[in-house]
């Protein structure tokens, strides 16, 4: 099962639709994204550690161990693990970095982009892994931190590459041919580049994973909730939708990781590009 109905705090496993239970007892909501601390307490006093934090830590370890195992002793004729790792690495390097930034300029950013891609993908994949059953990126703090890392790469890079005046033109889209509307256009571009970009970079990933997990929880809980009397037919349809949504979510998880690094490369490419 791809979503864990017991993580919904209001869920009552003895409640079924035709027993007269109200949907208020089982409906997923924001509480589906709240977790009791595994260690410490969440009252704002002191450090605490919860399930998403644990999954983020484990995800980091999984990615590091996977590539370490694949490339610790590389062979000319790669084994299965090395072959899979090389395929993934090469896909990001050639299909994302080289295509967006270019081979010459982009090579130095390959480690960053590859790391971001597989980390984000792993954080998303937890949603369909038994026991874990939660996408870490559905907690807004994690996409914000990742977007901030990218922001702290391409903004200083812009200043380093073009100097203060050149960076200002880059961020504002300065074009004297715009005439009287130039100040307005520059203000909009500056606001868009320095504030809207990092916001949408984080929210795009968060919103997709948040919505996907909500749907998975909805159909999973509904499969149990309607499993009684004539509701069994509805329960079967809901269970089928759970399977379909799980497959669709698997696709979306990879796409969102791809989009995140594609935008990262786009921002870096814009920082490196000469302003005209």
Protein backbone atom coordinates (compact mmCIF):
# COMPACT_ATOMS: atom_id res chain seq x y z
CA UNK A 1 0.00 0.00 0.00
CA UNK A 2 1.42 3.39 -0.99
CA UNK A 3 0.06 5.59 1.77
CA UNK A 4 -0.19 4.94 5.47
CA UNK A 5 -3.73 5.56 6.79
CA UNK A 6 -2.58 5.18 10.39
CA UNK A 7 -0.44 8.30 10.12
CA UNK A 8 -3.65 10.34 9.79
CA UNK A 9 -4.18 11.29 13.42
CA UNK A 10 -7.98 11.26 13.15
CA UNK A 11 -8.16 7.83 11.55
CA UNK A 12 -10.30 5.26 13.31
CA UNK A 13 -9.59 1.76 11.95
CA UNK A 14 -12.93 0.47 13.28
CA UNK A 15 -14.92 3.07 11.36
CA UNK A 16 -16.70 2.18 8.09
CA UNK A 17 -19.04 4.19 5.90
CA UNK A 18 -22.16 2.08 6.38
CA UNK A 19 -21.61 1.80 10.13
CA UNK A 20 -22.80 5.37 10.41
CA UNK A 21 -19.34 6.86 10.89
CA UNK A 22 -18.84 10.37 9.62
CA UNK A 23 -16.07 11.09 7.17
CA UNK A 24 -14.68 13.61 9.65
CA UNK A 25 -13.16 10.64 11.49
CA UNK A 26 -11.04 9.53 8.56
CA UNK A 27 -10.64 12.41 6.10
CA UNK A 28 -6.99 13.26 5.37
CA UNK A 29 -5.88 16.82 5.94
CA UNK A 30 -2.97 18.85 7.22
CA UNK A 31 -2.72 16.52 10.19
CA UNK A 32 -1.56 13.86 7.71
CA UNK A 33 1.69 15.83 7.46
CA UNK A 34 2.26 16.22 11.19
CA UNK A 35 4.37 13.68 13.05
CA UNK A 36 5.02 13.13 16.70
CA UNK A 37 8.72 13.47 17.62
CA UNK A 38 10.66 10.22 17.68
CA UNK A 39 13.03 11.92 20.08
CA UNK A 40 12.65 15.11 22.09
CA UNK A 41 9.48 17.20 22.01
CA UNK A 42 7.93 19.61 19.53
CA UNK A 43 6.88 22.33 21.98
CA UNK A 44 9.52 24.69 20.66
CA UNK A 45 11.92 24.07 23.55
CA UNK A 46 15.00 22.17 22.52
CA UNK A 47 15.85 19.85 19.65
CA UNK A 48 13.54 17.11 18.43
CA UNK A 49 13.72 14.45 15.73
CA UNK A 50 10.71 13.20 13.77
CA UNK A 51 9.93 10.82 10.93
CA UNK A 52 10.60 13.20 7.98
CA UNK A 53 13.97 14.10 9.54
CA UNK A 54 14.81 10.43 9.86
CA UNK A 55 13.81 9.77 6.25
CA UNK A 56 15.90 12.71 5.04
CA UNK A 57 18.90 11.35 6.92
CA UNK A 58 18.35 7.82 5.66
CA UNK A 59 17.84 9.12 2.13
CA UNK A 60 21.16 10.92 2.24
CA UNK A 61 22.86 7.75 3.45
CA UNK A 62 21.18 5.66 0.73
CA UNK A 63 22.39 7.99 -2.05
CA UNK A 64 25.95 8.17 -0.67
CA UNK A 65 26.21 4.42 -0.09
CA UNK A 66 24.78 3.64 -3.54
CA UNK A 67 27.35 5.73 -5.41
CA UNK A 68 30.14 4.69 -3.08
CA UNK A 69 29.39 1.05 -3.69
CA UNK A 70 29.07 1.62 -7.43
CA UNK A 71 32.29 3.60 -7.92
CA UNK A 72 34.57 2.56 -5.02
CA UNK A 73 36.27 0.03 -7.31
CA UNK A 74 35.23 0.97 -10.87
CA UNK A 75 35.84 -1.57 -13.60
CA UNK A 76 36.40 -1.16 -17.32
CA UNK A 77 33.58 -3.64 -17.86
CA UNK A 78 31.08 -2.39 -15.28
CA UNK A 79 28.99 -4.66 -13.11
CA UNK A 80 25.23 -4.18 -12.75
CA UNK A 81 25.45 -1.65 -9.91
CA UNK A 82 28.15 0.40 -11.60
CA UNK A 83 26.23 0.26 -14.87
CA UNK A 84 23.07 1.62 -13.23
CA UNK A 85 25.01 4.36 -11.42
CA UNK A 86 26.84 5.35 -14.60
CA UNK A 87 23.58 5.49 -16.52
CA UNK A 88 22.00 7.76 -13.91
CA UNK A 89 25.08 9.97 -13.64
CA UNK A 90 25.43 10.22 -17.41
CA UNK A 91 21.74 11.03 -17.85
CA UNK A 92 22.01 14.04 -15.55
CA UNK A 93 25.39 15.12 -16.87
CA UNK A 94 24.59 14.93 -20.58
CA UNK A 95 20.81 15.24 -20.60
CA UNK A 96 20.54 18.12 -18.13
CA UNK A 97 23.85 19.88 -17.45
CA UNK A 98 25.44 19.72 -20.90
CA UNK A 99 22.16 20.43 -22.69
CA UNK A 100 21.41 23.48 -20.53
CA UNK A 101 24.75 24.98 -19.53
CA UNK A 102 27.06 23.46 -22.11
CA UNK A 103 29.86 20.93 -21.76
CA UNK A 104 32.73 23.38 -21.18
CA UNK A 105 31.00 25.59 -18.61
CA UNK A 106 28.79 22.92 -17.13
CA UNK A 107 31.32 20.24 -16.20
CA UNK A 108 32.22 21.85 -12.87
CA UNK A 109 28.53 21.89 -11.83
CA UNK A 110 27.88 18.21 -12.62
CA UNK A 111 28.58 16.98 -9.03
CA UNK A 112 26.15 19.54 -7.57
CA UNK A 113 23.38 18.80 -10.04
CA UNK A 114 23.78 15.01 -9.83
CA UNK A 115 23.68 15.19 -6.03
CA UNK A 116 20.55 17.36 -6.08
CA UNK A 117 18.78 15.11 -8.58
CA UNK A 118 19.30 11.86 -6.71
CA UNK A 119 18.70 13.41 -3.30
CA UNK A 120 15.40 14.97 -4.39
CA UNK A 121 14.37 11.77 -6.15
CA UNK A 122 15.12 9.70 -3.06
CA UNK A 123 13.19 12.12 -0.84
CA UNK A 124 10.23 11.75 -3.21
CA UNK A 125 10.52 7.97 -3.44
CA UNK A 126 9.93 7.50 0.27
CA UNK A 127 6.25 8.11 -0.51
CA UNK A 128 5.81 4.66 -2.06
CA UNK A 129 8.28 2.69 0.06
CA UNK A 130 6.56 0.51 2.69
CA UNK A 131 6.85 1.67 6.31
CA UNK A 132 8.29 5.04 5.22
CA UNK A 133 5.27 6.01 3.09
CA UNK A 134 5.88 9.74 3.16
CA UNK A 135 7.60 12.10 0.69
CA UNK A 136 9.99 14.28 2.66
CA UNK A 137 9.68 17.06 0.09
CA UNK A 138 5.99 17.39 1.03
CA UNK A 139 7.31 19.31 4.06
CA UNK A 140 7.97 22.81 2.70
CA UNK A 141 11.13 23.33 4.78
CA UNK A 142 13.08 20.78 2.74
CA UNK A 143 12.40 22.24 -0.74
CA UNK A 144 13.12 25.70 0.70
CA UNK A 145 16.56 24.62 1.90
CA UNK A 146 17.35 22.97 -1.45
CA UNK A 147 16.18 26.05 -3.36
CA UNK A 148 18.26 28.23 -1.04
CA UNK A 149 21.36 26.17 -1.84
CA UNK A 150 20.78 26.76 -5.55
CA UNK A 151 20.10 30.44 -4.90
CA UNK A 152 23.39 30.79 -3.03
CA UNK A 153 25.17 29.28 -6.03
CA UNK A 154 23.76 31.25 -8.95
CA UNK A 155 23.40 34.70 -7.36
CA UNK A 156 27.05 35.00 -6.18
CA UNK A 157 28.09 33.37 -9.47
CA UNK A 158 26.34 36.15 -11.37
CA UNK A 159 28.25 38.84 -9.46
CA UNK A 160 31.52 36.96 -9.83
CA UNK A 161 31.06 36.53 -13.57
CA UNK A 162 29.77 40.00 -14.49
CA UNK A 163 30.68 42.33 -11.65
CA UNK A 164 28.15 44.48 -9.84
CA UNK A 165 26.95 46.49 -12.85
CA UNK A 166 26.80 43.45 -15.12
CA UNK A 167 24.97 41.42 -12.50
CA UNK A 168 22.49 44.24 -11.99
CA UNK A 169 21.77 44.27 -15.72
CA UNK A 170 21.48 40.49 -15.69
CA UNK A 171 18.96 40.48 -12.84
CA UNK A 172 16.93 43.41 -14.18
CA UNK A 173 16.96 42.47 -17.86
CA UNK A 174 18.30 45.93 -18.70
CA UNK A 175 17.51 46.87 -22.30
CA UNK A 176 17.66 50.53 -23.21
CA UNK A 177 15.56 49.94 -26.32
CA UNK A 178 12.52 49.58 -24.03
CA UNK A 179 12.47 53.33 -23.62
CA UNK A 180 9.95 54.76 -21.12
CA UNK A 181 8.85 51.36 -19.81
CA UNK A 182 12.43 50.39 -18.90
CA UNK A 183 12.16 51.28 -15.17
CA UNK A 184 8.95 49.26 -14.81
CA UNK A 185 10.39 46.31 -16.76
CA UNK A 186 13.58 46.36 -14.68
CA UNK A 187 11.62 46.42 -11.41
CA UNK A 188 9.49 43.46 -12.49
CA UNK A 189 12.52 41.49 -13.67
CA UNK A 190 14.47 42.20 -10.48
CA UNK A 191 11.53 41.11 -8.34
CA UNK A 192 10.99 38.03 -10.50
CA UNK A 193 14.62 36.91 -10.54
CA UNK A 194 15.62 37.50 -6.95
CA UNK A 195 12.35 36.76 -5.12
CA UNK A 196 9.90 34.85 -7.30
CA UNK A 197 12.43 32.40 -8.74
CA UNK A 198 13.57 30.82 -5.46
CA UNK A 199 9.98 30.82 -4.19
CA UNK A 200 8.59 28.98 -7.24
CA UNK A 201 11.63 26.69 -7.32
CA UNK A 202 10.77 25.43 -3.85
CA UNK A 203 6.97 25.55 -4.07
CA UNK A 204 6.79 23.67 -7.39
CA UNK A 205 8.45 20.63 -5.82
CA UNK A 206 6.60 20.95 -2.52
CA UNK A 207 3.12 21.44 -4.04
CA UNK A 208 3.36 18.45 -6.36
CA UNK A 209 4.52 16.09 -3.65
CA UNK A 210 2.05 17.50 -1.11
CA UNK A 211 -0.87 17.04 -3.52
CA UNK A 212 0.27 13.59 -4.60
CA UNK A 213 0.59 12.32 -1.06
CA UNK A 214 -2.80 13.76 -0.12
CA UNK A 215 -4.43 11.86 -2.97
CA UNK A 216 -2.67 8.64 -2.02
CA UNK A 217 -3.82 8.98 1.58
CA UNK A 218 -7.35 9.82 0.43
CA UNK A 219 -7.76 6.74 -1.77
CA UNK A 220 -6.00 4.43 0.68
CA UNK A 221 -8.15 5.49 3.60
CA UNK A 222 -11.28 5.42 1.45
CA UNK A 223 -10.50 1.80 0.46
CA UNK A 224 -10.78 0.81 4.11
CA UNK A 225 -13.53 3.26 5.05
CA UNK A 226 -15.97 1.88 2.44
CA UNK A 227 -15.06 -1.78 2.99
CA UNK A 228 -18.43 -2.72 4.47
CA UNK A 229 -21.78 -3.86 3.07
CA UNK A 230 -22.62 -2.46 -0.34
CA UNK A 231 -19.61 -0.16 -0.01
CA UNK A 232 -17.29 -3.03 -0.95
CA UNK A 233 -17.73 -2.16 -4.64
CA UNK A 234 -16.73 1.44 -3.96
CA UNK A 235 -13.84 0.19 -1.86
CA UNK A 236 -12.59 -1.90 -4.80
CA UNK A 237 -12.67 1.12 -7.10
CA UNK A 238 -10.84 3.19 -4.52
CA UNK A 239 -8.21 0.48 -4.08
CA UNK A 240 -7.73 0.35 -7.86
CA UNK A 241 -7.28 4.13 -7.86
CA UNK A 242 -4.68 3.74 -5.12
CA UNK A 243 -2.67 1.43 -7.37
CA UNK A 244 -3.07 3.77 -10.35
CA UNK A 245 -2.11 6.81 -8.30
CA UNK A 246 0.91 4.99 -6.91
CA UNK A 247 2.16 4.28 -10.43
CA UNK A 248 1.45 7.86 -11.47
CA UNK A 249 3.19 9.18 -8.36
CA UNK A 250 6.26 7.09 -9.20
CA UNK A 251 6.41 8.92 -12.53
CA UNK A 252 5.82 12.34 -10.96
CA UNK A 253 8.56 11.78 -8.38
CA UNK A 254 11.18 11.34 -11.11
CA UNK A 255 9.77 14.23 -13.16
CA UNK A 256 9.89 16.62 -10.20
CA UNK A 257 13.51 15.72 -9.46
CA UNK A 258 14.29 16.32 -13.14
CA UNK A 259 12.45 19.66 -13.22
CA UNK A 260 14.20 20.82 -10.05
CA UNK A 261 17.69 20.25 -11.48
CA UNK A 262 16.67 21.50 -14.92
CA UNK A 263 15.67 24.82 -13.36
CA UNK A 264 18.89 24.79 -11.34
CA UNK A 265 20.91 24.49 -14.54
CA UNK A 266 18.79 27.15 -16.21
CA UNK A 267 19.56 29.60 -13.40
CA UNK A 268 23.28 28.80 -13.53
CA UNK A 269 23.28 29.18 -17.30
CA UNK A 270 21.61 32.56 -16.94
CA UNK A 271 24.30 33.59 -14.44
CA UNK A 272 27.05 32.61 -16.87
CA UNK A 273 25.46 34.09 -19.98
CA UNK A 274 26.62 37.45 -21.30
CA UNK A 275 24.03 40.20 -21.04
CA UNK A 276 23.13 41.93 -24.29
